[in-house]
């Protein structure tokens, strides 16, 4: 769903609570923080507080200024998960848990110590349903890094051949499907989807695909 302005917020949260148990449901809210999302959704748009708990992850995007002050750059500045133990006010009751934050000096998003130490309830809940990951944070984290590297490869090859089609949804769907196929093949071959093996095979596949896409 696109930008949420009015009554469609109710539909969004109905989908999140009822029909998307194994899928992603996402929307865009005008807010400058995780609490700002809560305030907008609950107090302005009328979504019940209990329904807001269907939110798992809040991603905040904003503009930051260049050192000269003449240019503005759009950056993801915060990724937080929404915990479920609070009752009335997620800010006062520590219902927001920051996973990643913007480092202005590095001009990049960096993981918090809490995330690196495996304290994300959302990620652990996902991992609890995967045999290779359950109870093993090191394997969970190396798979997260593996997925990040595959995305970086897409960006790198897009820049290399000067073709942004690699970053569009059509190619991304194909690339995601191929990634999972490679993971499955590597697991069948050696008993575990070893990240180095998966990344190597994924890049070989990507190279073969982009050869036909060069402008």
N, C-alpha and C. Protein backbone atom coordinates (compact mmCIF):
# COMPACT_ATOMS: atom_id res chain seq x y z
N UNK A 1 0.84 -1.18 0.00
CA UNK A 1 0.00 0.00 0.00
C UNK A 1 0.89 1.24 0.00
N UNK A 2 0.46 2.28 -0.67
CA UNK A 2 1.25 3.50 -0.75
C UNK A 2 1.06 4.38 0.47
N UNK A 3 1.05 5.67 0.26
CA UNK A 3 0.96 6.61 1.38
C UNK A 3 -0.38 6.50 2.09
N UNK A 4 -0.33 6.45 3.43
CA UNK A 4 -1.52 6.32 4.24
C UNK A 4 -1.92 7.69 4.76
N UNK A 5 -3.11 8.16 4.36
CA UNK A 5 -3.55 9.50 4.74
C UNK A 5 -4.85 9.51 5.56
N UNK A 6 -5.70 8.50 5.35
CA UNK A 6 -7.04 8.58 5.93
C UNK A 6 -7.55 7.20 6.35
N UNK A 7 -8.75 6.86 5.91
CA UNK A 7 -9.40 5.63 6.36
C UNK A 7 -8.70 4.37 5.86
N UNK A 8 -7.84 4.52 4.83
CA UNK A 8 -7.13 3.34 4.36
C UNK A 8 -6.20 2.76 5.43
N UNK A 9 -5.92 3.55 6.47
CA UNK A 9 -5.10 3.04 7.57
C UNK A 9 -5.78 1.84 8.24
N UNK A 10 -7.10 1.90 8.34
CA UNK A 10 -7.84 0.78 8.94
C UNK A 10 -7.65 -0.47 8.09
N UNK A 11 -7.73 -0.32 6.75
CA UNK A 11 -7.56 -1.46 5.85
C UNK A 11 -6.15 -2.03 5.96
N UNK A 12 -5.17 -1.12 6.06
CA UNK A 12 -3.78 -1.56 6.19
C UNK A 12 -3.61 -2.45 7.42
N UNK A 13 -4.12 -2.00 8.54
CA UNK A 13 -3.92 -2.76 9.77
C UNK A 13 -4.80 -4.01 9.84
N UNK A 14 -5.92 -4.01 9.16
CA UNK A 14 -6.71 -5.25 9.05
C UNK A 14 -5.91 -6.29 8.28
N UNK A 15 -5.25 -5.85 7.20
CA UNK A 15 -4.43 -6.78 6.42
C UNK A 15 -3.25 -7.28 7.24
N UNK A 16 -2.66 -6.40 8.01
CA UNK A 16 -1.50 -6.80 8.83
C UNK A 16 -1.89 -7.80 9.90
N UNK A 17 -3.08 -7.65 10.46
CA UNK A 17 -3.50 -8.53 11.56
C UNK A 17 -4.11 -9.84 11.09
N UNK A 18 -4.75 -9.81 9.91
CA UNK A 18 -5.53 -10.97 9.48
C UNK A 18 -4.92 -11.72 8.31
N UNK A 19 -4.58 -11.01 7.26
CA UNK A 19 -4.29 -11.70 6.01
C UNK A 19 -2.85 -11.76 5.59
N UNK A 20 -1.93 -11.44 6.47
CA UNK A 20 -0.52 -11.38 6.03
C UNK A 20 0.40 -12.07 7.02
N UNK A 21 -0.04 -13.21 7.50
CA UNK A 21 0.74 -13.91 8.53
C UNK A 21 2.11 -14.34 8.03
N UNK A 22 2.26 -14.55 6.72
CA UNK A 22 3.55 -15.01 6.21
C UNK A 22 4.09 -14.09 5.12
N UNK A 23 3.53 -12.89 5.03
CA UNK A 23 3.91 -11.98 3.96
C UNK A 23 4.14 -10.58 4.50
N UNK A 24 4.70 -9.75 3.66
CA UNK A 24 4.95 -8.36 4.05
C UNK A 24 3.78 -7.49 3.64
N UNK A 25 3.30 -6.70 4.58
CA UNK A 25 2.33 -5.65 4.30
C UNK A 25 2.99 -4.35 4.73
N UNK A 26 3.07 -3.36 3.83
CA UNK A 26 3.78 -2.13 4.15
C UNK A 26 3.01 -0.92 3.68
N UNK A 27 3.22 0.18 4.37
CA UNK A 27 2.60 1.44 3.98
C UNK A 27 3.52 2.58 4.35
N UNK A 28 3.24 3.76 3.80
CA UNK A 28 4.03 4.95 4.05
C UNK A 28 3.23 5.94 4.89
N UNK A 29 3.83 6.38 5.99
CA UNK A 29 3.19 7.33 6.91
C UNK A 29 4.08 8.57 7.00
N UNK A 30 3.49 9.75 6.97
CA UNK A 30 4.26 10.97 7.17
C UNK A 30 4.55 11.14 8.66
N UNK A 31 5.78 10.85 9.05
CA UNK A 31 6.20 10.96 10.45
C UNK A 31 7.72 11.00 10.48
N UNK A 32 8.27 11.52 11.57
CA UNK A 32 9.73 11.68 11.64
C UNK A 32 10.40 10.74 12.63
N UNK A 33 9.65 9.77 13.17
CA UNK A 33 10.20 8.84 14.15
C UNK A 33 9.23 7.69 14.33
N UNK A 34 9.65 6.59 14.98
CA UNK A 34 8.71 5.51 15.25
C UNK A 34 7.51 5.98 16.07
N UNK A 35 7.77 6.84 17.08
CA UNK A 35 6.64 7.34 17.86
C UNK A 35 5.74 8.23 17.00
N UNK A 36 6.36 8.98 16.09
CA UNK A 36 5.57 9.81 15.19
C UNK A 36 4.62 8.98 14.34
N UNK A 37 5.05 7.78 13.96
CA UNK A 37 4.18 6.86 13.21
C UNK A 37 3.01 6.44 14.10
N UNK A 38 3.31 6.07 15.33
CA UNK A 38 2.27 5.68 16.28
C UNK A 38 1.27 6.81 16.48
N UNK A 39 1.77 8.02 16.70
CA UNK A 39 0.92 9.18 16.96
C UNK A 39 0.00 9.45 15.76
N UNK A 40 0.59 9.37 14.57
CA UNK A 40 -0.19 9.63 13.35
C UNK A 40 -1.25 8.56 13.14
N UNK A 41 -0.85 7.30 13.27
CA UNK A 41 -1.76 6.18 12.99
C UNK A 41 -2.87 6.08 14.03
N UNK A 42 -2.52 6.21 15.29
CA UNK A 42 -3.49 6.00 16.37
C UNK A 42 -4.31 7.26 16.65
N UNK A 43 -3.62 8.37 16.87
CA UNK A 43 -4.33 9.58 17.31
C UNK A 43 -4.97 10.35 16.16
N UNK A 44 -4.34 10.33 14.98
CA UNK A 44 -4.89 11.08 13.85
C UNK A 44 -5.81 10.25 12.96
N UNK A 45 -5.42 8.99 12.72
CA UNK A 45 -6.15 8.17 11.75
C UNK A 45 -7.09 7.15 12.40
N UNK A 46 -7.06 7.06 13.73
CA UNK A 46 -8.07 6.27 14.42
C UNK A 46 -7.86 4.78 14.49
N UNK A 47 -6.65 4.31 14.24
CA UNK A 47 -6.36 2.87 14.38
C UNK A 47 -6.24 2.55 15.87
N UNK A 48 -6.93 1.53 16.38
CA UNK A 48 -6.83 1.19 17.80
C UNK A 48 -5.38 0.89 18.22
N UNK A 49 -5.05 1.24 19.44
CA UNK A 49 -3.70 1.02 19.96
C UNK A 49 -3.29 -0.44 19.84
N UNK A 50 -4.22 -1.35 20.15
CA UNK A 50 -3.90 -2.77 20.07
C UNK A 50 -3.60 -3.21 18.64
N UNK A 51 -4.27 -2.57 17.67
CA UNK A 51 -4.02 -2.91 16.27
C UNK A 51 -2.65 -2.43 15.83
N UNK A 52 -2.19 -1.31 16.38
CA UNK A 52 -0.87 -0.78 16.00
C UNK A 52 0.23 -1.79 16.31
N UNK A 53 0.00 -2.66 17.28
CA UNK A 53 1.01 -3.67 17.63
C UNK A 53 1.25 -4.65 16.50
N UNK A 54 0.40 -4.65 15.48
CA UNK A 54 0.66 -5.49 14.31
C UNK A 54 1.86 -4.97 13.53
N UNK A 55 2.29 -3.73 13.81
CA UNK A 55 3.51 -3.18 13.20
C UNK A 55 4.71 -3.90 13.79
N UNK A 56 5.53 -4.49 12.94
CA UNK A 56 6.75 -5.14 13.40
C UNK A 56 7.97 -4.23 13.26
N UNK A 57 8.07 -3.55 12.12
CA UNK A 57 9.25 -2.74 11.84
C UNK A 57 8.83 -1.35 11.37
N UNK A 58 9.47 -0.32 11.92
CA UNK A 58 9.26 1.06 11.49
C UNK A 58 10.57 1.59 10.89
N UNK A 59 10.51 2.02 9.65
CA UNK A 59 11.68 2.55 8.94
C UNK A 59 11.48 4.04 8.73
N UNK A 60 12.41 4.84 9.22
CA UNK A 60 12.30 6.29 9.09
C UNK A 60 13.26 6.80 8.03
N UNK A 61 12.71 7.51 7.05
CA UNK A 61 13.50 8.10 5.96
C UNK A 61 13.34 9.61 6.04
N UNK A 62 14.45 10.33 5.93
CA UNK A 62 14.38 11.78 5.95
C UNK A 62 15.49 12.37 5.11
N UNK A 63 15.52 13.67 5.01
CA UNK A 63 16.57 14.36 4.25
C UNK A 63 17.65 14.85 5.21
N UNK A 64 18.89 14.68 4.82
CA UNK A 64 20.02 15.20 5.59
C UNK A 64 20.79 16.16 4.68
N UNK A 65 21.41 17.15 5.27
CA UNK A 65 22.13 18.14 4.49
C UNK A 65 23.57 17.72 4.24
N UNK A 66 24.09 18.12 3.09
CA UNK A 66 25.50 17.92 2.79
C UNK A 66 26.32 18.87 3.65
N UNK A 67 27.64 18.64 3.80
CA UNK A 67 28.47 19.52 4.62
C UNK A 67 28.40 20.99 4.21
N UNK A 68 28.22 21.25 2.92
CA UNK A 68 28.14 22.63 2.45
C UNK A 68 26.81 23.28 2.81
N UNK A 69 25.83 22.44 3.09
CA UNK A 69 24.50 22.96 3.38
C UNK A 69 23.70 23.30 2.15
N UNK A 70 24.27 23.10 0.99
CA UNK A 70 23.60 23.48 -0.26
C UNK A 70 22.74 22.36 -0.83
N UNK A 71 23.04 21.12 -0.43
CA UNK A 71 22.33 19.97 -1.00
C UNK A 71 21.66 19.16 0.10
N UNK A 72 20.58 18.49 -0.27
CA UNK A 72 19.90 17.59 0.64
C UNK A 72 19.94 16.18 0.08
N UNK A 73 20.18 15.23 0.94
CA UNK A 73 20.26 13.84 0.54
C UNK A 73 19.21 13.04 1.32
N UNK A 74 18.51 12.16 0.66
CA UNK A 74 17.51 11.34 1.33
C UNK A 74 18.19 10.09 1.90
N UNK A 75 18.00 9.84 3.17
CA UNK A 75 18.65 8.72 3.84
C UNK A 75 17.68 8.01 4.79
N UNK A 76 17.84 6.69 4.93
CA UNK A 76 17.19 5.96 6.01
C UNK A 76 17.97 6.28 7.28
N UNK A 77 17.30 6.80 8.29
CA UNK A 77 18.01 7.24 9.50
C UNK A 77 17.69 6.38 10.72
N UNK A 78 16.70 5.51 10.60
CA UNK A 78 16.34 4.69 11.77
C UNK A 78 15.53 3.48 11.32
N UNK A 79 15.88 2.33 11.87
CA UNK A 79 15.07 1.12 11.72
C UNK A 79 14.81 0.58 13.11
N UNK A 80 13.57 0.56 13.51
CA UNK A 80 13.20 0.11 14.86
C UNK A 80 12.12 -0.95 14.77
N UNK A 81 12.14 -1.88 15.72
CA UNK A 81 11.05 -2.84 15.79
C UNK A 81 10.09 -2.42 16.88
N UNK A 82 8.85 -2.85 16.73
CA UNK A 82 7.80 -2.52 17.70
C UNK A 82 7.58 -3.74 18.58
N UNK A 83 7.91 -3.60 19.84
CA UNK A 83 7.70 -4.69 20.79
C UNK A 83 6.22 -4.79 21.15
N UNK A 84 5.82 -5.88 21.79
CA UNK A 84 4.39 -6.13 22.00
C UNK A 84 3.97 -6.06 23.47
N UNK A 85 4.89 -5.75 24.39
CA UNK A 85 4.56 -5.84 25.82
C UNK A 85 3.90 -4.59 26.38
N UNK A 86 3.93 -3.47 25.64
CA UNK A 86 3.38 -2.22 26.15
C UNK A 86 1.86 -2.21 26.06
N UNK A 87 1.24 -1.27 26.80
CA UNK A 87 -0.22 -1.23 26.87
C UNK A 87 -0.81 0.03 26.25
N UNK A 88 -0.29 1.19 26.64
CA UNK A 88 -0.89 2.45 26.21
C UNK A 88 0.04 3.32 25.37
N UNK A 89 1.27 3.49 25.82
CA UNK A 89 2.20 4.41 25.16
C UNK A 89 3.53 3.70 24.90
N UNK A 90 3.82 3.36 23.64
CA UNK A 90 5.05 2.60 23.34
C UNK A 90 6.34 3.37 23.64
N UNK A 91 6.26 4.70 23.67
CA UNK A 91 7.45 5.48 23.98
C UNK A 91 7.77 5.41 25.47
N UNK A 92 6.77 5.66 26.29
CA UNK A 92 6.96 5.62 27.74
C UNK A 92 7.23 4.20 28.24
N UNK A 93 6.64 3.22 27.57
CA UNK A 93 6.74 1.83 28.02
C UNK A 93 7.81 1.05 27.26
N UNK A 94 8.70 1.77 26.58
CA UNK A 94 9.84 1.18 25.87
C UNK A 94 9.39 0.12 24.85
N UNK A 95 8.39 0.51 24.08
CA UNK A 95 7.88 -0.40 23.06
C UNK A 95 8.64 -0.35 21.75
N UNK A 96 9.52 0.65 21.60
CA UNK A 96 10.33 0.75 20.39
C UNK A 96 11.76 0.30 20.68
N UNK A 97 12.29 -0.54 19.81
CA UNK A 97 13.63 -1.10 19.99
C UNK A 97 14.44 -0.82 18.73
N UNK A 98 15.45 0.02 18.85
CA UNK A 98 16.21 0.44 17.67
C UNK A 98 17.15 -0.66 17.20
N UNK A 99 17.07 -0.98 15.90
CA UNK A 99 17.92 -2.00 15.30
C UNK A 99 19.10 -1.39 14.54
N UNK A 100 18.82 -0.31 13.81
CA UNK A 100 19.87 0.36 13.03
C UNK A 100 19.67 1.86 13.11
N UNK A 101 20.78 2.61 13.05
CA UNK A 101 20.70 4.06 13.13
C UNK A 101 21.69 4.70 12.17
N UNK A 102 21.40 5.93 11.79
CA UNK A 102 22.23 6.64 10.81
C UNK A 102 23.47 7.21 11.48
N UNK A 103 24.64 6.94 10.87
CA UNK A 103 25.91 7.50 11.32
C UNK A 103 26.28 8.61 10.33
N UNK A 104 26.18 9.85 10.78
CA UNK A 104 26.40 10.99 9.89
C UNK A 104 27.84 11.05 9.39
N UNK A 105 28.80 10.67 10.22
CA UNK A 105 30.20 10.72 9.80
C UNK A 105 30.48 9.73 8.67
N UNK A 106 29.89 8.56 8.77
CA UNK A 106 30.09 7.53 7.75
C UNK A 106 29.08 7.65 6.62
N UNK A 107 28.05 8.45 6.83
CA UNK A 107 26.95 8.60 5.87
C UNK A 107 26.39 7.23 5.49
N UNK A 108 26.10 6.46 6.51
CA UNK A 108 25.54 5.13 6.28
C UNK A 108 24.75 4.68 7.49
N UNK A 109 23.96 3.65 7.30
CA UNK A 109 23.17 3.06 8.37
C UNK A 109 24.02 1.99 9.05
N UNK A 110 24.05 1.98 10.39
CA UNK A 110 24.86 1.01 11.11
C UNK A 110 24.00 0.27 12.13
N UNK A 111 24.31 -1.01 12.39
CA UNK A 111 23.55 -1.77 13.38
C UNK A 111 23.87 -1.31 14.80
N UNK A 112 22.89 -1.34 15.66
CA UNK A 112 23.12 -1.03 17.07
C UNK A 112 23.76 -2.23 17.76
N UNK A 113 24.35 -1.99 18.91
CA UNK A 113 24.94 -3.09 19.68
C UNK A 113 23.89 -4.13 20.05
N UNK A 114 22.68 -3.65 20.34
CA UNK A 114 21.60 -4.58 20.70
C UNK A 114 21.29 -5.55 19.57
N UNK A 115 21.29 -5.03 18.34
CA UNK A 115 21.05 -5.91 17.20
C UNK A 115 22.19 -6.89 17.03
N UNK A 116 23.42 -6.41 17.12
CA UNK A 116 24.59 -7.28 16.95
C UNK A 116 24.63 -8.38 18.00
N UNK A 117 24.07 -8.10 19.16
CA UNK A 117 24.06 -9.09 20.25
C UNK A 117 22.85 -10.01 20.18
N UNK A 118 22.04 -9.86 19.14
CA UNK A 118 20.93 -10.79 18.92
C UNK A 118 19.70 -10.54 19.75
N UNK A 119 19.40 -9.28 20.06
CA UNK A 119 18.27 -8.98 20.93
C UNK A 119 17.00 -8.60 20.18
N UNK A 120 16.99 -8.81 18.86
CA UNK A 120 15.79 -8.49 18.09
C UNK A 120 14.75 -9.59 18.21
N UNK A 121 13.59 -9.25 18.75
CA UNK A 121 12.52 -10.24 18.89
C UNK A 121 11.92 -10.63 17.53
N UNK A 122 11.85 -9.65 16.63
CA UNK A 122 11.28 -9.93 15.30
C UNK A 122 12.15 -10.93 14.55
N UNK A 123 13.46 -10.70 14.54
CA UNK A 123 14.36 -11.60 13.82
C UNK A 123 14.38 -12.98 14.46
N UNK A 124 14.40 -13.03 15.78
CA UNK A 124 14.41 -14.33 16.46
C UNK A 124 13.11 -15.09 16.23
N UNK A 125 12.01 -14.36 16.10
CA UNK A 125 10.73 -15.02 15.82
C UNK A 125 10.75 -15.64 14.42
N UNK A 126 11.30 -14.89 13.45
CA UNK A 126 11.44 -15.44 12.09
C UNK A 126 12.34 -16.67 12.11
N UNK A 127 13.46 -16.56 12.81
CA UNK A 127 14.45 -17.65 12.85
C UNK A 127 13.92 -18.89 13.56
N UNK A 128 12.97 -18.70 14.45
CA UNK A 128 12.45 -19.84 15.22
C UNK A 128 11.72 -20.84 14.34
N UNK A 129 11.39 -20.43 13.11
CA UNK A 129 10.69 -21.32 12.19
C UNK A 129 11.59 -21.86 11.09
N UNK A 130 12.90 -21.64 11.23
CA UNK A 130 13.87 -22.13 10.25
C UNK A 130 14.87 -23.04 10.96
N UNK A 131 14.91 -24.29 10.55
CA UNK A 131 15.72 -25.30 11.22
C UNK A 131 17.19 -24.90 11.34
N UNK A 132 17.76 -24.33 10.28
CA UNK A 132 19.18 -23.99 10.29
C UNK A 132 19.52 -22.80 11.17
N UNK A 133 18.53 -22.02 11.56
CA UNK A 133 18.80 -20.79 12.31
C UNK A 133 18.38 -20.84 13.77
N UNK A 134 17.39 -21.64 14.10
CA UNK A 134 16.80 -21.58 15.43
C UNK A 134 17.87 -21.76 16.52
N UNK A 135 17.93 -20.80 17.44
CA UNK A 135 18.85 -20.86 18.57
C UNK A 135 20.30 -20.60 18.21
N UNK A 136 20.58 -20.14 16.99
CA UNK A 136 21.97 -19.91 16.57
C UNK A 136 22.07 -18.51 15.95
N UNK A 137 22.38 -17.51 16.79
CA UNK A 137 22.42 -16.14 16.32
C UNK A 137 23.52 -15.93 15.28
N UNK A 138 24.65 -16.59 15.42
CA UNK A 138 25.74 -16.41 14.46
C UNK A 138 25.29 -16.77 13.04
N UNK A 139 24.55 -17.86 12.92
CA UNK A 139 24.06 -18.27 11.60
C UNK A 139 22.98 -17.30 11.09
N UNK A 140 22.16 -16.80 11.99
CA UNK A 140 21.15 -15.82 11.60
C UNK A 140 21.82 -14.57 11.05
N UNK A 141 22.83 -14.08 11.77
CA UNK A 141 23.48 -12.84 11.37
C UNK A 141 24.26 -13.01 10.07
N UNK A 142 24.92 -14.15 9.90
CA UNK A 142 25.69 -14.34 8.66
C UNK A 142 24.75 -14.43 7.46
N UNK A 143 23.51 -14.90 7.68
CA UNK A 143 22.55 -14.93 6.58
C UNK A 143 22.04 -13.54 6.26
N UNK A 144 21.88 -12.71 7.28
CA UNK A 144 21.49 -11.31 7.05
C UNK A 144 22.57 -10.61 6.24
N UNK A 145 23.82 -10.81 6.61
CA UNK A 145 24.94 -10.20 5.89
C UNK A 145 24.99 -10.73 4.45
N UNK A 146 24.76 -12.02 4.27
CA UNK A 146 24.74 -12.61 2.94
C UNK A 146 23.69 -11.92 2.06
N UNK A 147 22.50 -11.72 2.59
CA UNK A 147 21.44 -11.07 1.82
C UNK A 147 21.79 -9.62 1.50
N UNK A 148 22.44 -8.95 2.44
CA UNK A 148 22.89 -7.58 2.18
C UNK A 148 23.91 -7.55 1.04
N UNK A 149 24.79 -8.53 1.01
CA UNK A 149 25.82 -8.57 -0.03
C UNK A 149 25.21 -8.86 -1.41
N UNK A 150 24.17 -9.67 -1.45
CA UNK A 150 23.52 -9.91 -2.74
C UNK A 150 22.86 -8.64 -3.26
N UNK A 151 22.30 -7.84 -2.34
CA UNK A 151 21.68 -6.58 -2.76
C UNK A 151 22.75 -5.60 -3.24
N UNK A 152 23.89 -5.60 -2.55
CA UNK A 152 24.98 -4.72 -2.97
C UNK A 152 25.49 -5.12 -4.36
N UNK A 153 25.52 -6.40 -4.64
CA UNK A 153 25.93 -6.85 -5.97
C UNK A 153 25.00 -6.30 -7.05
N UNK A 154 23.71 -6.27 -6.77
CA UNK A 154 22.77 -5.72 -7.73
C UNK A 154 23.08 -4.25 -8.02
N UNK A 155 23.36 -3.50 -6.97
CA UNK A 155 23.69 -2.08 -7.14
C UNK A 155 25.00 -1.93 -7.90
N UNK A 156 26.00 -2.74 -7.52
CA UNK A 156 27.32 -2.65 -8.16
C UNK A 156 27.23 -2.95 -9.66
N UNK A 157 26.50 -4.00 -10.02
CA UNK A 157 26.41 -4.37 -11.44
C UNK A 157 25.54 -3.38 -12.20
N UNK A 158 24.54 -2.81 -11.54
CA UNK A 158 23.73 -1.79 -12.18
C UNK A 158 24.58 -0.58 -12.56
N UNK A 159 25.47 -0.19 -11.65
CA UNK A 159 26.36 0.94 -11.93
C UNK A 159 27.41 0.56 -12.97
N UNK A 160 27.86 -0.68 -12.90
CA UNK A 160 28.92 -1.13 -13.81
C UNK A 160 28.47 -1.09 -15.26
N UNK A 161 27.23 -1.51 -15.53
CA UNK A 161 26.76 -1.54 -16.91
C UNK A 161 25.83 -0.37 -17.23
N UNK A 162 25.67 0.51 -16.23
CA UNK A 162 24.83 1.71 -16.41
C UNK A 162 23.41 1.34 -16.84
N UNK A 163 22.81 0.43 -16.08
CA UNK A 163 21.45 -0.02 -16.38
C UNK A 163 20.67 -0.20 -15.08
N UNK A 164 19.77 0.73 -14.81
CA UNK A 164 19.00 0.69 -13.56
C UNK A 164 17.88 -0.35 -13.57
N UNK A 165 17.66 -1.01 -14.72
CA UNK A 165 16.63 -2.05 -14.76
C UNK A 165 16.92 -3.17 -13.77
N UNK A 166 18.19 -3.36 -13.44
CA UNK A 166 18.59 -4.39 -12.48
C UNK A 166 17.97 -4.12 -11.11
N UNK A 167 17.70 -2.86 -10.82
CA UNK A 167 17.18 -2.48 -9.50
C UNK A 167 15.66 -2.41 -9.46
N UNK A 168 15.02 -2.60 -10.61
CA UNK A 168 13.56 -2.53 -10.65
C UNK A 168 12.92 -3.83 -10.17
N UNK A 169 11.62 -3.77 -9.94
CA UNK A 169 10.92 -4.89 -9.31
C UNK A 169 10.97 -6.17 -10.13
N UNK A 170 10.85 -6.07 -11.46
CA UNK A 170 10.83 -7.27 -12.29
C UNK A 170 12.11 -8.09 -12.11
N UNK A 171 13.24 -7.42 -12.18
CA UNK A 171 14.51 -8.14 -12.05
C UNK A 171 14.73 -8.58 -10.60
N UNK A 172 14.30 -7.75 -9.66
CA UNK A 172 14.47 -8.09 -8.24
C UNK A 172 13.73 -9.37 -7.89
N UNK A 173 12.53 -9.55 -8.42
CA UNK A 173 11.76 -10.77 -8.16
C UNK A 173 12.52 -11.99 -8.68
N UNK A 174 13.06 -11.88 -9.89
CA UNK A 174 13.82 -12.98 -10.48
C UNK A 174 15.08 -13.26 -9.65
N UNK A 175 15.76 -12.19 -9.24
CA UNK A 175 16.99 -12.33 -8.47
C UNK A 175 16.72 -12.98 -7.11
N UNK A 176 15.63 -12.57 -6.45
CA UNK A 176 15.28 -13.16 -5.17
C UNK A 176 14.99 -14.65 -5.31
N UNK A 177 14.25 -14.98 -6.35
CA UNK A 177 13.92 -16.39 -6.59
C UNK A 177 15.18 -17.21 -6.84
N UNK A 178 16.11 -16.66 -7.62
CA UNK A 178 17.35 -17.36 -7.91
C UNK A 178 18.19 -17.52 -6.65
N UNK A 179 18.21 -16.50 -5.82
CA UNK A 179 18.95 -16.57 -4.55
C UNK A 179 18.46 -17.74 -3.70
N UNK A 180 17.16 -17.89 -3.60
CA UNK A 180 16.62 -18.99 -2.78
C UNK A 180 16.89 -20.35 -3.42
N UNK A 181 16.86 -20.41 -4.73
CA UNK A 181 17.20 -21.66 -5.42
C UNK A 181 18.64 -22.05 -5.15
N UNK A 182 19.53 -21.07 -5.21
CA UNK A 182 20.96 -21.34 -4.96
C UNK A 182 21.17 -21.78 -3.52
N UNK A 183 20.50 -21.11 -2.58
CA UNK A 183 20.62 -21.52 -1.18
C UNK A 183 20.19 -22.98 -1.01
N UNK A 184 19.10 -23.33 -1.65
CA UNK A 184 18.59 -24.70 -1.54
C UNK A 184 19.56 -25.70 -2.17
N UNK A 185 20.13 -25.34 -3.32
CA UNK A 185 21.08 -26.23 -3.99
C UNK A 185 22.34 -26.45 -3.17
N UNK A 186 22.85 -25.35 -2.59
CA UNK A 186 24.07 -25.46 -1.78
C UNK A 186 23.80 -26.30 -0.53
N UNK A 187 22.64 -26.12 0.07
CA UNK A 187 22.30 -26.91 1.25
C UNK A 187 22.22 -28.40 0.91
N UNK A 188 21.63 -28.71 -0.23
CA UNK A 188 21.54 -30.12 -0.64
C UNK A 188 22.92 -30.71 -0.90
N UNK A 189 23.83 -29.87 -1.40
CA UNK A 189 25.16 -30.35 -1.76
C UNK A 189 26.07 -30.56 -0.56
N UNK A 190 26.07 -29.59 0.38
CA UNK A 190 27.03 -29.69 1.50
C UNK A 190 26.35 -29.73 2.87
N UNK A 191 25.03 -29.73 2.89
CA UNK A 191 24.32 -29.87 4.15
C UNK A 191 23.95 -28.58 4.84
N UNK A 192 24.48 -27.46 4.35
CA UNK A 192 24.19 -26.15 4.94
C UNK A 192 24.43 -25.08 3.89
N UNK A 193 23.58 -24.07 3.80
CA UNK A 193 23.79 -23.01 2.79
C UNK A 193 24.94 -22.08 3.16
N UNK A 194 26.15 -22.57 2.99
CA UNK A 194 27.36 -21.82 3.32
C UNK A 194 27.37 -20.49 2.56
N UNK A 195 27.46 -19.34 3.27
CA UNK A 195 27.35 -18.03 2.63
C UNK A 195 28.34 -17.80 1.49
N UNK A 196 29.59 -18.21 1.65
CA UNK A 196 30.59 -17.99 0.60
C UNK A 196 30.22 -18.73 -0.67
N UNK A 197 29.73 -19.95 -0.52
CA UNK A 197 29.32 -20.74 -1.67
C UNK A 197 28.10 -20.12 -2.35
N UNK A 198 27.14 -19.70 -1.54
CA UNK A 198 25.92 -19.11 -2.08
C UNK A 198 26.25 -17.82 -2.83
N UNK A 199 27.07 -16.96 -2.21
CA UNK A 199 27.40 -15.68 -2.84
C UNK A 199 28.17 -15.88 -4.14
N UNK A 200 29.07 -16.85 -4.16
CA UNK A 200 29.83 -17.13 -5.37
C UNK A 200 28.90 -17.55 -6.51
N UNK A 201 28.00 -18.50 -6.23
CA UNK A 201 27.09 -18.99 -7.27
C UNK A 201 26.11 -17.90 -7.69
N UNK A 202 25.70 -17.09 -6.74
CA UNK A 202 24.77 -16.00 -7.06
C UNK A 202 25.42 -14.98 -8.00
N UNK A 203 26.67 -14.64 -7.73
CA UNK A 203 27.35 -13.66 -8.59
C UNK A 203 27.60 -14.24 -9.98
N UNK A 204 27.89 -15.53 -10.06
CA UNK A 204 28.06 -16.16 -11.37
C UNK A 204 26.77 -16.07 -12.17
N UNK A 205 25.66 -16.33 -11.51
CA UNK A 205 24.36 -16.23 -12.18
C UNK A 205 24.10 -14.79 -12.60
N UNK A 206 24.39 -13.83 -11.71
CA UNK A 206 24.14 -12.42 -12.00
C UNK A 206 24.97 -11.95 -13.20
N UNK A 207 26.23 -12.37 -13.24
CA UNK A 207 27.09 -11.99 -14.36
C UNK A 207 26.51 -12.46 -15.68
N UNK A 208 26.00 -13.69 -15.70
CA UNK A 208 25.44 -14.22 -16.93
C UNK A 208 24.18 -13.48 -17.35
N UNK A 209 23.40 -13.00 -16.38
CA UNK A 209 22.17 -12.30 -16.71
C UNK A 209 22.44 -10.89 -17.22
N UNK A 210 23.42 -10.20 -16.62
CA UNK A 210 23.63 -8.81 -17.02
C UNK A 210 24.32 -8.67 -18.36
N UNK A 211 24.95 -9.76 -18.84
CA UNK A 211 25.59 -9.71 -20.15
C UNK A 211 24.59 -9.36 -21.24
N UNK A 212 23.35 -9.80 -21.04
CA UNK A 212 22.31 -9.54 -22.05
C UNK A 212 21.62 -8.19 -21.83
N UNK A 213 22.01 -7.49 -20.76
CA UNK A 213 21.33 -6.24 -20.41
C UNK A 213 22.20 -5.00 -20.66
N UNK A 214 23.43 -5.19 -21.09
CA UNK A 214 24.33 -4.06 -21.29
C UNK A 214 23.78 -3.12 -22.36
N UNK A 215 23.89 -1.84 -22.05
CA UNK A 215 23.43 -0.83 -23.01
C UNK A 215 24.55 -0.45 -23.97
